[in-house]
Amino acid sequence: QKSDGSWQNMAQTDVRDTAEAAATLKNFASAEVNYTAGFQWPAAGV
């Protein structure tokens, strides 16, 4: 996970990558902080 809370395979796919990674980590209590950061990433919008 990047420092701004996002995931990025390449610049064009950051929204998709962040949404997929956050949706996966949502299911694991150990990743709550990471999920929250991804969920709140500004560029994702929702």
All heavy atoms as atom14 arrays in JSON, in Angstrom:
{
  "sequence": "QKSDGSWQNMAQTDVRDTAEAAATLKNFASAEVNYTAGFQWPAAGV",
  "atom14_mask": [
    [1, 1, 1, 1, 1, 1, 1, 1, 1, 0, 0, 0, 0, 0],
    [1, 1, 1, 1, 1, 1, 1, 1, 1, 0, 0, 0, 0, 0],
    [1, 1, 1, 1, 1, 1, 0, 0, 0, 0, 0, 0, 0, 0],
    [1, 1, 1, 1, 1, 1, 1, 1, 0, 0, 0, 0, 0, 0],
    [1, 1, 1, 1, 0, 0, 0, 0, 0, 0, 0, 0, 0, 0],
    [1, 1, 1, 1, 1, 1, 0, 0, 0, 0, 0, 0, 0, 0],
    [1, 1, 1, 1, 1, 1, 1, 1, 1, 1, 1, 1, 1, 1],
    [1, 1, 1, 1, 1, 1, 1, 1, 1, 0, 0, 0, 0, 0],
    [1, 1, 1, 1, 1, 1, 1, 1, 0, 0, 0, 0, 0, 0],
    [1, 1, 1, 1, 1, 1, 1, 1, 0, 0, 0, 0, 0, 0],
    [1, 1, 1, 1, 1, 0, 0, 0, 0, 0, 0, 0, 0, 0],
    [1, 1, 1, 1, 1, 1, 1, 1, 1, 0, 0, 0, 0, 0],
    [1, 1, 1, 1, 1, 1, 1, 0, 0, 0, 0, 0, 0, 0],
    [1, 1, 1, 1, 1, 1, 1, 1, 0, 0, 0, 0, 0, 0],
    [1, 1, 1, 1, 1, 1, 1, 0, 0, 0, 0, 0, 0, 0],
    [1, 1, 1, 1, 1, 1, 1, 1, 1, 1, 1, 0, 0, 0],
    [1, 1, 1, 1, 1, 1, 1, 1, 0, 0, 0, 0, 0, 0],
    [1, 1, 1, 1, 1, 1, 1, 0, 0, 0, 0, 0, 0, 0],
    [1, 1, 1, 1, 1, 0, 0, 0, 0, 0, 0, 0, 0, 0],
    [1, 1, 1, 1, 1, 1, 1, 1, 1, 0, 0, 0, 0, 0],
    [1, 1, 1, 1, 1, 0, 0, 0, 0, 0, 0, 0, 0, 0],
    [1, 1, 1, 1, 1, 0, 0, 0, 0, 0, 0, 0, 0, 0],
    [1, 1, 1, 1, 1, 0, 0, 0, 0, 0, 0, 0, 0, 0],
    [1, 1, 1, 1, 1, 1, 1, 0, 0, 0, 0, 0, 0, 0],
    [1, 1, 1, 1, 1, 1, 1, 1, 0, 0, 0, 0, 0, 0],
    [1, 1, 1, 1, 1, 1, 1, 1, 1, 0, 0, 0, 0, 0],
    [1, 1, 1, 1, 1, 1, 1, 1, 0, 0, 0, 0, 0, 0],
    [1, 1, 1, 1, 1, 1, 1, 1, 1, 1, 1, 0, 0, 0],
    [1, 1, 1, 1, 1, 0, 0, 0, 0, 0, 0, 0, 0, 0],
    [1, 1, 1, 1, 1, 1, 0, 0, 0, 0, 0, 0, 0, 0],
    [1, 1, 1, 1, 1, 0, 0, 0, 0, 0, 0, 0, 0, 0],
    [1, 1, 1, 1, 1, 1, 1, 1, 1, 0, 0, 0, 0, 0],
    [1, 1, 1, 1, 1, 1, 1, 0, 0, 0, 0, 0, 0, 0],
    [1, 1, 1, 1, 1, 1, 1, 1, 0, 0, 0, 0, 0, 0],
    [1, 1, 1, 1, 1, 1, 1, 1, 1, 1, 1, 1, 0, 0],
    [1, 1, 1, 1, 1, 1, 1, 0, 0, 0, 0, 0, 0, 0],
    [1, 1, 1, 1, 1, 0, 0, 0, 0, 0, 0, 0, 0, 0],
    [1, 1, 1, 1, 0, 0, 0, 0, 0, 0, 0, 0, 0, 0],
    [1, 1, 1, 1, 1, 1, 1, 1, 1, 1, 1, 0, 0, 0],
    [1, 1, 1, 1, 1, 1, 1, 1, 1, 0, 0, 0, 0, 0],
    [1, 1, 1, 1, 1, 1, 1, 1, 1, 1, 1, 1, 1, 1],
    [1, 1, 1, 1, 1, 1, 1, 0, 0, 0, 0, 0, 0, 0],
    [1, 1, 1, 1, 1, 0, 0, 0, 0, 0, 0, 0, 0, 0],
    [1, 1, 1, 1, 1, 0, 0, 0, 0, 0, 0, 0, 0, 0],
    [1, 1, 1, 1, 0, 0, 0, 0, 0, 0, 0, 0, 0, 0],
    [1, 1, 1, 1, 1, 1, 1, 0, 0, 0, 0, 0, 0, 0]
  ],
  "atom14_positions": [
    [[0.84, -1.19, 0.0], [0.0, 0.0, 0.0], [0.88, 1.24, 0.0], [1.89, 1.32, 0.71], [-0.9, 0.0, 1.23], [-1.93, 1.11, 1.24], [-2.87, 0.99, 2.43], [-2.54, 0.38, 3.44], [-4.06, 1.55, 2.3], [0.0, 0.0, 0.0], [0.0, 0.0, 0.0], [0.0, 0.0, 0.0], [0.0, 0.0, 0.0], [0.0, 0.0, 0.0]],
    [[0.52, 2.24, -0.81], [1.3, 3.47, -0.88], [1.03, 4.34, 0.35], [0.04, 4.15, 1.06], [0.97, 4.23, -2.16], [1.33, 3.46, -3.43], [1.0, 4.25, -4.67], [1.87, 5.5, -4.78], [1.59, 6.27, -6.0], [0.0, 0.0, 0.0], [0.0, 0.0, 0.0], [0.0, 0.0, 0.0], [0.0, 0.0, 0.0], [0.0, 0.0, 0.0]],
    [[1.85, 5.31, 0.56], [1.75, 6.15, 1.76], [0.46, 6.97, 1.78], [-0.01, 7.37, 2.86], [2.96, 7.09, 1.85], [3.05, 7.91, 0.68], [0.0, 0.0, 0.0], [0.0, 0.0, 0.0], [0.0, 0.0, 0.0], [0.0, 0.0, 0.0], [0.0, 0.0, 0.0], [0.0, 0.0, 0.0], [0.0, 0.0, 0.0], [0.0, 0.0, 0.0]],
    [[-0.13, 7.23, 0.61], [-1.38, 8.0, 0.58], [-2.61, 7.12, 0.77], [-3.74, 7.6, 0.72], [-1.49, 8.79, -0.72], [-1.55, 7.9, -1.96], [-1.51, 6.65, -1.81], [-1.63, 8.44, -3.08], [0.0, 0.0, 0.0], [0.0, 0.0, 0.0], [0.0, 0.0, 0.0], [0.0, 0.0, 0.0], [0.0, 0.0, 0.0], [0.0, 0.0, 0.0]],
    [[-2.4, 5.82, 0.98], [-3.5, 4.9, 1.21], [-3.95, 4.13, -0.01], [-4.8, 3.25, 0.09], [0.0, 0.0, 0.0], [0.0, 0.0, 0.0], [0.0, 0.0, 0.0], [0.0, 0.0, 0.0], [0.0, 0.0, 0.0], [0.0, 0.0, 0.0], [0.0, 0.0, 0.0], [0.0, 0.0, 0.0], [0.0, 0.0, 0.0], [0.0, 0.0, 0.0]],
    [[-3.38, 4.41, -1.16], [-3.81, 3.76, -2.4], [-2.92, 2.57, -2.75], [-1.86, 2.36, -2.14], [-3.79, 4.77, -3.55], [-2.44, 5.13, -3.86], [0.0, 0.0, 0.0], [0.0, 0.0, 0.0], [0.0, 0.0, 0.0], [0.0, 0.0, 0.0], [0.0, 0.0, 0.0], [0.0, 0.0, 0.0], [0.0, 0.0, 0.0], [0.0, 0.0, 0.0]],
    [[-3.39, 1.81, -3.72], [-2.57, 0.77, -4.37], [-2.49, 1.13, -5.84], [-3.44, 1.7, -6.4], [-3.2, -0.61, -4.21], [-3.03, -1.23, -2.86], [-2.05, -2.11, -2.46], [-3.86, -1.03, -1.71], [-2.25, -2.47, -1.15], [-3.34, -1.83, -0.67], [-5.0, -0.27, -1.47], [-3.92, -1.89, 0.6], [-5.58, -0.31, -0.21], [-5.04, -1.11, 0.81]],
    [[-1.37, 0.8, -6.47], [-1.23, 1.2, -7.85], [-0.29, 0.26, -8.58], [0.88, 0.14, -8.24], [-0.69, 2.63, -7.93], [-0.57, 3.18, -9.34], [0.05, 4.56, -9.36], [1.17, 4.74, -9.79], [-0.69, 5.55, -8.87], [0.0, 0.0, 0.0], [0.0, 0.0, 0.0], [0.0, 0.0, 0.0], [0.0, 0.0, 0.0], [0.0, 0.0, 0.0]],
    [[-0.84, -0.41, -9.61], [0.0, -1.21, -10.49], [0.63, -0.31, -11.55], [1.78, -0.45, -11.89], [-0.83, -2.31, -11.15], [0.02, -3.21, -12.03], [1.1, -3.62, -11.64], [-0.46, -3.5, -13.23], [0.0, 0.0, 0.0], [0.0, 0.0, 0.0], [0.0, 0.0, 0.0], [0.0, 0.0, 0.0], [0.0, 0.0, 0.0], [0.0, 0.0, 0.0]],
    [[-0.17, 0.65, -12.04], [0.31, 1.69, -12.93], [-0.62, 2.89, -12.76], [-1.71, 2.76, -12.19], [0.37, 1.21, -14.39], [-0.95, 0.78, -14.97], [-0.8, -0.07, -16.57], [0.25, 1.04, -17.46], [0.0, 0.0, 0.0], [0.0, 0.0, 0.0], [0.0, 0.0, 0.0], [0.0, 0.0, 0.0], [0.0, 0.0, 0.0], [0.0, 0.0, 0.0]],
    [[-0.21, 4.05, -13.24], [-0.95, 5.28, -12.97], [-2.4, 5.2, -13.43], [-3.3, 5.77, -12.81], [-0.24, 6.46, -13.64], [0.0, 0.0, 0.0], [0.0, 0.0, 0.0], [0.0, 0.0, 0.0], [0.0, 0.0, 0.0], [0.0, 0.0, 0.0], [0.0, 0.0, 0.0], [0.0, 0.0, 0.0], [0.0, 0.0, 0.0], [0.0, 0.0, 0.0]],
    [[-2.63, 4.48, -14.52], [-3.97, 4.44, -15.08], [-4.92, 3.53, -14.3], [-6.13, 3.54, -14.53], [-3.92, 3.97, -16.54], [-3.2, 4.94, -17.46], [-1.71, 4.66, -17.53], [-1.17, 3.99, -16.67], [-1.04, 5.19, -18.54], [0.0, 0.0, 0.0], [0.0, 0.0, 0.0], [0.0, 0.0, 0.0], [0.0, 0.0, 0.0], [0.0, 0.0, 0.0]],
    [[-4.38, 2.69, -13.43], [-5.22, 1.7, -12.76], [-5.31, 1.91, -11.25], [-5.74, 1.02, -10.53], [-4.7, 0.28, -13.04], [-3.36, 0.14, -12.5], [-4.66, -0.01, -14.53], [0.0, 0.0, 0.0], [0.0, 0.0, 0.0], [0.0, 0.0, 0.0], [0.0, 0.0, 0.0], [0.0, 0.0, 0.0], [0.0, 0.0, 0.0], [0.0, 0.0, 0.0]],
    [[-4.9, 3.1, -10.75], [-4.86, 3.28, -9.3], [-6.24, 3.18, -8.66], [-6.39, 2.6, -7.57], [-4.2, 4.61, -8.93], [-4.79, 5.81, -9.65], [-5.76, 5.62, -10.43], [-4.3, 6.93, -9.45], [0.0, 0.0, 0.0], [0.0, 0.0, 0.0], [0.0, 0.0, 0.0], [0.0, 0.0, 0.0], [0.0, 0.0, 0.0], [0.0, 0.0, 0.0]],
    [[-7.29, 3.7, -9.33], [-8.64, 3.62, -8.77], [-9.09, 2.17, -8.68], [-9.57, 1.71, -7.64], [-9.63, 4.45, -9.61], [-11.05, 4.24, -9.12], [-9.26, 5.93, -9.57], [0.0, 0.0, 0.0], [0.0, 0.0, 0.0], [0.0, 0.0, 0.0], [0.0, 0.0, 0.0], [0.0, 0.0, 0.0], [0.0, 0.0, 0.0], [0.0, 0.0, 0.0]],
    [[-8.92, 1.44, -9.77], [-9.32, 0.03, -9.77], [-8.53, -0.78, -8.74], [-9.09, -1.56, -7.98], [-9.1, -0.57, -11.16], [-9.5, -2.04, -11.29], [-8.87, -2.68, -12.5], [-7.41, -2.73, -12.38], [-6.61, -3.11, -13.36], [-7.1, -3.43, -14.54], [-5.29, -3.14, -13.17], [0.0, 0.0, 0.0], [0.0, 0.0, 0.0], [0.0, 0.0, 0.0]],
    [[-7.2, -0.58, -8.72], [-6.35, -1.35, -7.82], [-6.68, -1.07, -6.36], [-6.73, -1.99, -5.53], [-4.88, -1.03, -8.09], [-4.46, -1.36, -9.51], [-5.14, -2.21, -10.13], [-3.48, -0.78, -9.99], [0.0, 0.0, 0.0], [0.0, 0.0, 0.0], [0.0, 0.0, 0.0], [0.0, 0.0, 0.0], [0.0, 0.0, 0.0], [0.0, 0.0, 0.0]],
    [[-6.93, 0.2, -6.04], [-7.27, 0.56, -4.67], [-8.61, -0.02, -4.25], [-8.76, -0.55, -3.15], [-7.29, 2.09, -4.51], [-5.99, 2.61, -4.85], [-7.62, 2.49, -3.07], [0.0, 0.0, 0.0], [0.0, 0.0, 0.0], [0.0, 0.0, 0.0], [0.0, 0.0, 0.0], [0.0, 0.0, 0.0], [0.0, 0.0, 0.0], [0.0, 0.0, 0.0]],
    [[-9.58, 0.06, -5.14], [-10.9, -0.49, -4.83], [-10.84, -1.99, -4.59], [-11.43, -2.51, -3.64], [-11.88, -0.17, -5.95], [0.0, 0.0, 0.0], [0.0, 0.0, 0.0], [0.0, 0.0, 0.0], [0.0, 0.0, 0.0], [0.0, 0.0, 0.0], [0.0, 0.0, 0.0], [0.0, 0.0, 0.0], [0.0, 0.0, 0.0], [0.0, 0.0, 0.0]],
    [[-10.1, -2.71, -5.43], [-10.01, -4.16, -5.3], [-9.24, -4.55, -4.03], [-9.66, -5.46, -3.3], [-9.31, -4.75, -6.52], [-10.1, -4.63, -7.81], [-11.32, -5.52, -7.83], [-11.39, -6.47, -7.02], [-12.23, -5.28, -8.64], [0.0, 0.0, 0.0], [0.0, 0.0, 0.0], [0.0, 0.0, 0.0], [0.0, 0.0, 0.0], [0.0, 0.0, 0.0]],
    [[-8.13, -3.87, -3.77], [-7.33, -4.21, -2.59], [-8.09, -3.9, -1.31], [-8.1, -4.71, -0.36], [-6.0, -3.45, -2.63], [0.0, 0.0, 0.0], [0.0, 0.0, 0.0], [0.0, 0.0, 0.0], [0.0, 0.0, 0.0], [0.0, 0.0, 0.0], [0.0, 0.0, 0.0], [0.0, 0.0, 0.0], [0.0, 0.0, 0.0], [0.0, 0.0, 0.0]],
    [[-8.74, -2.73, -1.25], [-9.48, -2.36, -0.05], [-10.66, -3.3, 0.18], [-10.96, -3.69, 1.31], [-9.96, -0.91, -0.15], [0.0, 0.0, 0.0], [0.0, 0.0, 0.0], [0.0, 0.0, 0.0], [0.0, 0.0, 0.0], [0.0, 0.0, 0.0], [0.0, 0.0, 0.0], [0.0, 0.0, 0.0], [0.0, 0.0, 0.0], [0.0, 0.0, 0.0]],
    [[-11.34, -3.67, -0.9], [-12.47, -4.58, -0.77], [-12.02, -5.94, -0.23], [-12.75, -6.6, 0.52], [-13.16, -4.76, -2.12], [0.0, 0.0, 0.0], [0.0, 0.0, 0.0], [0.0, 0.0, 0.0], [0.0, 0.0, 0.0], [0.0, 0.0, 0.0], [0.0, 0.0, 0.0], [0.0, 0.0, 0.0], [0.0, 0.0, 0.0], [0.0, 0.0, 0.0]],
    [[-10.82, -6.36, -0.59], [-10.28, -7.64, -0.09], [-9.91, -7.53, 1.38], [-10.27, -8.38, 2.2], [-9.05, -8.05, -0.91], [-9.44, -8.21, -2.29], [-8.47, -9.35, -0.4], [0.0, 0.0, 0.0], [0.0, 0.0, 0.0], [0.0, 0.0, 0.0], [0.0, 0.0, 0.0], [0.0, 0.0, 0.0], [0.0, 0.0, 0.0], [0.0, 0.0, 0.0]],
    [[-9.19, -6.46, 1.73], [-8.71, -6.32, 3.11], [-9.84, -6.03, 4.09], [-9.68, -6.2, 5.3], [-7.67, -5.2, 3.18], [-6.37, -5.48, 2.42], [-5.39, -4.32, 2.59], [-5.72, -6.78, 2.89], [0.0, 0.0, 0.0], [0.0, 0.0, 0.0], [0.0, 0.0, 0.0], [0.0, 0.0, 0.0], [0.0, 0.0, 0.0], [0.0, 0.0, 0.0]],
    [[-10.98, -5.61, 3.59], [-12.14, -5.34, 4.45], [-12.52, -6.58, 5.26], [-13.08, -6.48, 6.36], [-13.32, -4.89, 3.58], [-14.59, -4.58, 4.35], [-15.7, -4.17, 3.39], [-16.99, -3.86, 4.14], [-18.07, -3.48, 3.19], [0.0, 0.0, 0.0], [0.0, 0.0, 0.0], [0.0, 0.0, 0.0], [0.0, 0.0, 0.0], [0.0, 0.0, 0.0]],
    [[-12.17, -7.76, 4.76], [-12.57, -9.01, 5.4], [-11.61, -9.47, 6.49], [-11.83, -10.53, 7.09], [-12.69, -10.1, 4.33], [-13.7, -9.75, 3.26], [-14.87, -9.56, 3.54], [-13.24, -9.65, 2.02], [0.0, 0.0, 0.0], [0.0, 0.0, 0.0], [0.0, 0.0, 0.0], [0.0, 0.0, 0.0], [0.0, 0.0, 0.0], [0.0, 0.0, 0.0]],
    [[-10.54, -8.69, 6.75], [-9.52, -9.14, 7.7], [-9.29, -8.07, 8.77], [-8.92, -6.93, 8.47], [-8.2, -9.43, 6.97], [-8.34, -10.51, 5.91], [-8.64, -10.18, 4.6], [-8.21, -11.84, 6.26], [-8.78, -11.16, 3.64], [-8.35, -12.84, 5.3], [-8.64, -12.5, 3.99], [0.0, 0.0, 0.0], [0.0, 0.0, 0.0], [0.0, 0.0, 0.0]],
    [[-9.51, -8.46, 10.02], [-9.37, -7.52, 11.13], [-7.95, -6.98, 11.24], [-7.73, -5.82, 11.61], [-9.78, -8.2, 12.44], [0.0, 0.0, 0.0], [0.0, 0.0, 0.0], [0.0, 0.0, 0.0], [0.0, 0.0, 0.0], [0.0, 0.0, 0.0], [0.0, 0.0, 0.0], [0.0, 0.0, 0.0], [0.0, 0.0, 0.0], [0.0, 0.0, 0.0]],
    [[-6.97, -7.8, 10.89], [-5.57, -7.37, 10.99], [-5.24, -6.26, 10.02], [-4.22, -5.57, 10.18], [-4.64, -8.56, 10.75], [-4.84, -9.09, 9.44], [0.0, 0.0, 0.0], [0.0, 0.0, 0.0], [0.0, 0.0, 0.0], [0.0, 0.0, 0.0], [0.0, 0.0, 0.0], [0.0, 0.0, 0.0], [0.0, 0.0, 0.0], [0.0, 0.0, 0.0]],
    [[-6.08, -6.06, 9.01], [-5.81, -5.04, 7.99], [-6.77, -3.87, 8.09], [-6.93, -3.11, 7.13], [-5.89, -5.67, 6.61], [0.0, 0.0, 0.0], [0.0, 0.0, 0.0], [0.0, 0.0, 0.0], [0.0, 0.0, 0.0], [0.0, 0.0, 0.0], [0.0, 0.0, 0.0], [0.0, 0.0, 0.0], [0.0, 0.0, 0.0], [0.0, 0.0, 0.0]],
    [[-7.39, -3.68, 9.25], [-8.39, -2.63, 9.38], [-7.83, -1.25, 9.05], [-8.46, -0.44, 8.39], [-8.98, -2.64, 10.79], [-10.07, -1.59, 11.0], [-10.67, -1.64, 12.39], [-10.3, -2.54, 13.16], [-11.51, -0.78, 12.71], [0.0, 0.0, 0.0], [0.0, 0.0, 0.0], [0.0, 0.0, 0.0], [0.0, 0.0, 0.0], [0.0, 0.0, 0.0]],
    [[-6.61, -0.98, 9.55], [-5.99, 0.33, 9.3], [-5.75, 0.53, 7.81], [-6.02, 1.6, 7.25], [-4.68, 0.46, 10.09], [-3.95, 1.75, 9.7], [-4.95, 0.44, 11.59], [0.0, 0.0, 0.0], [0.0, 0.0, 0.0], [0.0, 0.0, 0.0], [0.0, 0.0, 0.0], [0.0, 0.0, 0.0], [0.0, 0.0, 0.0], [0.0, 0.0, 0.0]],
    [[-5.27, -0.52, 7.15], [-4.99, -0.42, 5.71], [-6.28, -0.25, 4.92], [-6.35, 0.55, 3.97], [-4.27, -1.67, 5.24], [-2.97, -1.9, 5.97], [-2.99, -2.39, 7.11], [-1.84, -1.57, 5.36], [0.0, 0.0, 0.0], [0.0, 0.0, 0.0], [0.0, 0.0, 0.0], [0.0, 0.0, 0.0], [0.0, 0.0, 0.0], [0.0, 0.0, 0.0]],
    [[-7.3, -1.0, 5.3], [-8.59, -0.89, 4.61], [-9.15, 0.53, 4.75], [-9.59, 1.13, 3.78], [-9.59, -1.9, 5.18], [-11.02, -1.54, 4.87], [-11.51, -1.66, 3.57], [-11.87, -1.03, 5.85], [-12.82, -1.31, 3.27], [-13.17, -0.68, 5.56], [-13.65, -0.82, 4.27], [-14.94, -0.46, 3.97], [0.0, 0.0, 0.0], [0.0, 0.0, 0.0]],
    [[-9.09, 1.08, 5.99], [-9.63, 2.42, 6.22], [-8.89, 3.46, 5.39], [-9.5, 4.35, 4.79], [-9.54, 2.77, 7.71], [-10.26, 1.8, 8.47], [-10.11, 4.16, 7.97], [0.0, 0.0, 0.0], [0.0, 0.0, 0.0], [0.0, 0.0, 0.0], [0.0, 0.0, 0.0], [0.0, 0.0, 0.0], [0.0, 0.0, 0.0], [0.0, 0.0, 0.0]],
    [[-7.56, 3.33, 5.32], [-6.77, 4.28, 4.54], [-7.13, 4.2, 3.06], [-7.25, 5.21, 2.37], [-5.29, 4.01, 4.75], [0.0, 0.0, 0.0], [0.0, 0.0, 0.0], [0.0, 0.0, 0.0], [0.0, 0.0, 0.0], [0.0, 0.0, 0.0], [0.0, 0.0, 0.0], [0.0, 0.0, 0.0], [0.0, 0.0, 0.0], [0.0, 0.0, 0.0]],
    [[-7.32, 2.97, 2.57], [-7.7, 2.81, 1.18], [-9.1, 3.33, 0.9], [-9.36, 3.96, -0.12], [0.0, 0.0, 0.0], [0.0, 0.0, 0.0], [0.0, 0.0, 0.0], [0.0, 0.0, 0.0], [0.0, 0.0, 0.0], [0.0, 0.0, 0.0], [0.0, 0.0, 0.0], [0.0, 0.0, 0.0], [0.0, 0.0, 0.0], [0.0, 0.0, 0.0]],
    [[-9.99, 3.08, 1.84], [-11.38, 3.53, 1.7], [-11.45, 5.06, 1.64], [-12.27, 5.63, 0.92], [-12.19, 3.02, 2.89], [-13.67, 3.32, 2.8], [-14.53, 2.45, 2.16], [-14.2, 4.48, 3.36], [-15.89, 2.72, 2.07], [-15.55, 4.76, 3.28], [-16.4, 3.87, 2.63], [0.0, 0.0, 0.0], [0.0, 0.0, 0.0], [0.0, 0.0, 0.0]],
    [[-10.58, 5.71, 2.38], [-10.62, 7.17, 2.46], [-9.7, 7.84, 1.44], [-9.59, 9.07, 1.44], [-10.23, 7.61, 3.87], [-11.22, 7.16, 4.94], [-10.78, 7.51, 6.35], [-9.61, 7.81, 6.59], [-11.71, 7.46, 7.29], [0.0, 0.0, 0.0], [0.0, 0.0, 0.0], [0.0, 0.0, 0.0], [0.0, 0.0, 0.0], [0.0, 0.0, 0.0]],
    [[-9.03, 7.05, 0.62], [-8.13, 7.65, -0.37], [-8.9, 8.65, -1.23], [-9.9, 8.3, -1.86], [-7.55, 6.54, -1.25], [-6.61, 7.02, -2.31], [-5.51, 7.81, -2.17], [-6.73, 6.74, -3.71], [-4.92, 8.03, -3.37], [-5.64, 7.39, -4.35], [-7.62, 6.01, -4.49], [-5.43, 7.33, -5.73], [-7.42, 5.94, -5.86], [-6.33, 6.59, -6.46]],
    [[-8.48, 9.9, -1.3], [-9.27, 10.94, -1.98], [-9.58, 10.65, -3.42], [-10.69, 10.91, -3.89], [-8.36, 12.19, -1.83], [-7.53, 11.91, -0.64], [-7.29, 10.43, -0.66], [0.0, 0.0, 0.0], [0.0, 0.0, 0.0], [0.0, 0.0, 0.0], [0.0, 0.0, 0.0], [0.0, 0.0, 0.0], [0.0, 0.0, 0.0], [0.0, 0.0, 0.0]],
    [[-8.63, 10.09, -4.15], [-8.86, 9.9, -5.59], [-9.91, 8.85, -5.89], [-10.48, 8.83, -6.96], [-7.53, 9.49, -6.27], [0.0, 0.0, 0.0], [0.0, 0.0, 0.0], [0.0, 0.0, 0.0], [0.0, 0.0, 0.0], [0.0, 0.0, 0.0], [0.0, 0.0, 0.0], [0.0, 0.0, 0.0], [0.0, 0.0, 0.0], [0.0, 0.0, 0.0]],
    [[-10.19, 7.99, -4.91], [-11.18, 6.93, -5.14], [-12.59, 7.46, -5.1], [-13.5, 6.85, -5.63], [-11.0, 5.82, -4.11], [0.0, 0.0, 0.0], [0.0, 0.0, 0.0], [0.0, 0.0, 0.0], [0.0, 0.0, 0.0], [0.0, 0.0, 0.0], [0.0, 0.0, 0.0], [0.0, 0.0, 0.0], [0.0, 0.0, 0.0], [0.0, 0.0, 0.0]],
    [[-12.8, 8.59, -4.43], [-14.13, 9.18, -4.4], [-15.06, 8.48, -3.43], [-15.59, 9.09, -2.51], [0.0, 0.0, 0.0], [0.0, 0.0, 0.0], [0.0, 0.0, 0.0], [0.0, 0.0, 0.0], [0.0, 0.0, 0.0], [0.0, 0.0, 0.0], [0.0, 0.0, 0.0], [0.0, 0.0, 0.0], [0.0, 0.0, 0.0], [0.0, 0.0, 0.0]],
    [[-15.27, 7.2, -3.62], [-16.12, 6.42, -2.72], [-15.42, 5.12, -2.42], [-14.61, 4.63, -3.21], [-17.5, 6.12, -3.34], [-18.29, 7.4, -3.56], [-17.36, 5.37, -4.65], [0.0, 0.0, 0.0], [0.0, 0.0, 0.0], [0.0, 0.0, 0.0], [0.0, 0.0, 0.0], [0.0, 0.0, 0.0], [0.0, 0.0, 0.0], [0.0, 0.0, 0.0]]
  ]
}
